N, C-alpha and C. Protein backbone atom coordinates (compact mmCIF):
# COMPACT_ATOMS: atom_id res chain seq x y z
N MET A 1 101.03 94.68 105.62
CA MET A 1 99.88 94.66 104.76
C MET A 1 99.85 93.31 104.03
N PRO A 2 98.69 92.74 103.86
CA PRO A 2 98.60 91.44 103.19
C PRO A 2 99.16 91.49 101.77
N GLN A 3 99.73 90.37 101.36
CA GLN A 3 100.25 90.25 100.00
C GLN A 3 99.15 90.54 99.00
N GLY A 4 99.46 91.36 98.01
CA GLY A 4 98.50 91.67 96.97
C GLY A 4 97.79 93.00 97.17
N LEU A 5 97.90 93.61 98.35
CA LEU A 5 97.27 94.91 98.59
C LEU A 5 98.33 96.00 98.54
N THR A 6 97.93 97.16 98.06
CA THR A 6 98.81 98.31 97.95
C THR A 6 98.10 99.53 98.53
N LEU A 7 98.83 100.35 99.29
CA LEU A 7 98.28 101.60 99.79
C LEU A 7 98.62 102.67 98.78
N LEU A 8 97.57 103.24 98.17
CA LEU A 8 97.76 104.27 97.14
C LEU A 8 98.06 105.62 97.77
N ASP A 9 98.61 106.54 96.98
CA ASP A 9 98.88 107.89 97.45
C ASP A 9 97.61 108.59 97.94
N THR A 10 96.46 108.16 97.44
CA THR A 10 95.18 108.74 97.84
C THR A 10 94.72 108.23 99.20
N GLY A 11 95.43 107.24 99.74
CA GLY A 11 95.05 106.67 101.02
C GLY A 11 94.15 105.46 100.90
N GLU A 12 93.80 105.09 99.69
CA GLU A 12 92.93 103.93 99.47
C GLU A 12 93.76 102.66 99.36
N LEU A 13 93.16 101.56 99.78
CA LEU A 13 93.77 100.25 99.58
C LEU A 13 93.32 99.71 98.23
N SER A 14 94.24 99.16 97.49
CA SER A 14 93.91 98.64 96.17
C SER A 14 94.52 97.26 96.00
N GLY A 15 93.83 96.41 95.28
CA GLY A 15 94.38 95.10 94.97
C GLY A 15 93.46 93.98 95.40
N ARG A 16 93.99 92.79 95.33
CA ARG A 16 93.23 91.60 95.71
C ARG A 16 94.18 90.65 96.43
N VAL A 17 93.77 90.24 97.60
CA VAL A 17 94.58 89.31 98.37
C VAL A 17 94.50 87.95 97.69
N SER A 18 95.65 87.33 97.51
CA SER A 18 95.70 86.03 96.85
C SER A 18 95.58 84.92 97.88
N PHE A 19 94.68 84.00 97.63
CA PHE A 19 94.53 82.84 98.50
C PHE A 19 94.97 81.57 97.78
N GLU A 20 95.76 81.75 96.72
CA GLU A 20 96.23 80.60 95.97
C GLU A 20 97.32 79.87 96.76
N THR A 21 97.34 78.59 96.65
CA THR A 21 98.34 77.77 97.33
C THR A 21 98.97 76.81 96.33
N PHE A 22 100.03 76.20 96.74
CA PHE A 22 100.63 75.15 95.94
C PHE A 22 101.02 74.02 96.87
N SER A 23 101.22 72.85 96.32
CA SER A 23 101.62 71.73 97.16
C SER A 23 102.82 71.03 96.54
N LEU A 24 103.63 70.50 97.42
CA LEU A 24 104.76 69.67 97.01
C LEU A 24 104.45 68.25 97.45
N ASP A 25 104.40 67.36 96.55
CA ASP A 25 104.11 65.95 96.83
C ASP A 25 103.02 65.76 97.88
N ASP A 26 101.87 66.36 97.62
CA ASP A 26 100.69 66.26 98.51
C ASP A 26 101.02 66.63 99.95
N PHE A 27 101.85 67.65 100.14
CA PHE A 27 102.20 68.20 101.44
C PHE A 27 103.01 67.24 102.31
N ALA A 28 103.66 66.24 101.70
CA ALA A 28 104.50 65.32 102.48
C ALA A 28 105.83 65.96 102.87
N THR A 29 106.30 66.90 102.07
CA THR A 29 107.56 67.60 102.35
C THR A 29 107.26 68.90 103.08
N THR A 30 107.97 69.16 104.16
CA THR A 30 107.82 70.42 104.86
C THR A 30 109.10 71.22 104.75
N ILE A 31 108.98 72.53 104.64
CA ILE A 31 110.14 73.40 104.49
C ILE A 31 110.56 73.98 105.83
N ASP A 32 109.62 74.17 106.73
CA ASP A 32 109.89 74.88 107.98
C ASP A 32 109.51 74.07 109.22
N ASN A 33 109.52 72.77 109.10
CA ASN A 33 109.19 71.88 110.22
C ASN A 33 107.78 72.16 110.77
N ASN A 34 106.87 72.51 109.86
CA ASN A 34 105.46 72.79 110.20
C ASN A 34 105.30 73.93 111.19
N THR A 35 106.15 74.97 111.11
CA THR A 35 106.04 76.09 112.04
C THR A 35 105.54 77.37 111.38
N LEU A 36 105.25 77.34 110.07
CA LEU A 36 104.79 78.52 109.37
C LEU A 36 103.43 78.98 109.89
N THR A 37 103.32 80.25 110.14
CA THR A 37 102.02 80.83 110.51
C THR A 37 101.75 82.02 109.61
N ILE A 38 100.50 82.36 109.48
CA ILE A 38 100.09 83.51 108.68
C ILE A 38 99.50 84.54 109.62
N ASP A 39 100.01 85.77 109.54
CA ASP A 39 99.45 86.84 110.35
C ASP A 39 98.00 87.05 109.95
N ARG A 40 97.13 87.03 110.91
CA ARG A 40 95.71 87.22 110.64
C ARG A 40 95.22 88.59 111.06
N THR A 41 96.08 89.35 111.72
CA THR A 41 95.73 90.70 112.14
C THR A 41 96.82 91.65 111.69
N TYR A 42 96.44 92.70 111.00
CA TYR A 42 97.37 93.71 110.51
C TYR A 42 96.95 95.06 111.08
N THR A 43 97.82 95.66 111.87
CA THR A 43 97.56 96.96 112.46
C THR A 43 98.49 97.98 111.82
N PHE A 44 97.93 99.13 111.44
CA PHE A 44 98.74 100.18 110.83
C PHE A 44 98.17 101.53 111.22
N VAL A 45 99.00 102.55 111.10
CA VAL A 45 98.62 103.91 111.48
C VAL A 45 98.58 104.78 110.23
N VAL A 46 97.53 105.58 110.12
CA VAL A 46 97.40 106.51 109.00
C VAL A 46 97.41 107.92 109.56
N LYS A 47 98.23 108.77 108.96
CA LYS A 47 98.25 110.19 109.33
C LYS A 47 97.81 110.97 108.11
N ALA A 48 96.78 111.78 108.28
CA ALA A 48 96.29 112.65 107.21
C ALA A 48 96.53 114.09 107.63
N GLU A 49 96.98 114.90 106.69
CA GLU A 49 97.21 116.30 107.03
C GLU A 49 96.93 117.19 105.82
N THR A 50 96.67 118.45 106.11
CA THR A 50 96.44 119.41 105.03
C THR A 50 97.74 119.64 104.28
N ALA A 51 97.62 120.19 103.07
CA ALA A 51 98.80 120.40 102.23
C ALA A 51 99.85 121.28 102.91
N ASP A 52 99.38 122.25 103.71
CA ASP A 52 100.35 123.13 104.36
C ASP A 52 100.78 122.64 105.74
N GLY A 53 100.23 121.50 106.17
CA GLY A 53 100.65 120.88 107.43
C GLY A 53 100.10 121.52 108.69
N THR A 54 99.14 122.41 108.56
CA THR A 54 98.62 123.10 109.74
C THR A 54 97.62 122.26 110.53
N VAL A 55 96.98 121.31 109.88
CA VAL A 55 96.01 120.45 110.55
C VAL A 55 96.34 119.00 110.19
N SER A 56 96.34 118.14 111.20
CA SER A 56 96.60 116.73 110.93
C SER A 56 95.82 115.86 111.90
N SER A 57 95.66 114.62 111.53
CA SER A 57 94.98 113.65 112.37
C SER A 57 95.64 112.29 112.14
N THR A 58 95.82 111.55 113.21
CA THR A 58 96.42 110.22 113.13
C THR A 58 95.44 109.21 113.71
N ARG A 59 95.31 108.09 113.04
CA ARG A 59 94.39 107.05 113.51
C ARG A 59 94.97 105.68 113.22
N GLU A 60 94.78 104.77 114.16
CA GLU A 60 95.24 103.39 113.99
C GLU A 60 94.08 102.54 113.47
N PHE A 61 94.38 101.68 112.51
CA PHE A 61 93.39 100.77 111.93
C PHE A 61 93.89 99.35 112.08
N THR A 62 92.96 98.42 112.15
CA THR A 62 93.30 97.00 112.22
C THR A 62 92.46 96.24 111.21
N LEU A 63 93.13 95.46 110.36
CA LEU A 63 92.45 94.55 109.45
C LEU A 63 92.59 93.15 110.03
N LYS A 64 91.48 92.44 110.13
CA LYS A 64 91.52 91.06 110.62
C LYS A 64 91.03 90.13 109.52
N LEU A 65 91.84 89.13 109.25
CA LEU A 65 91.49 88.14 108.23
C LEU A 65 90.77 86.98 108.87
N ASN A 66 89.71 86.54 108.26
CA ASN A 66 88.97 85.39 108.72
C ASN A 66 89.27 84.24 107.77
N LEU A 67 90.35 83.52 108.04
CA LEU A 67 90.79 82.44 107.16
C LEU A 67 90.14 81.14 107.58
N ILE A 68 89.79 80.36 106.61
CA ILE A 68 89.24 79.04 106.87
C ILE A 68 90.36 78.04 106.74
N ASP A 69 90.66 77.35 107.83
CA ASP A 69 91.76 76.37 107.81
C ASP A 69 91.33 75.07 107.19
């Protein structure tokens, strides 16, 4: 799940994704030899069921981020 989002007990997503960045000496220093990537697709499975467990349903969801480089 993206940083800043939380899955609540109610099944809702809450929060705000942070797009804040910082720079070290105008990006002249690299920490990872310029190999860092950001996942742009997040796939997760949600299972919902009745309180007594007699009925349930499972579904896969995908969140795709449209980041501007």
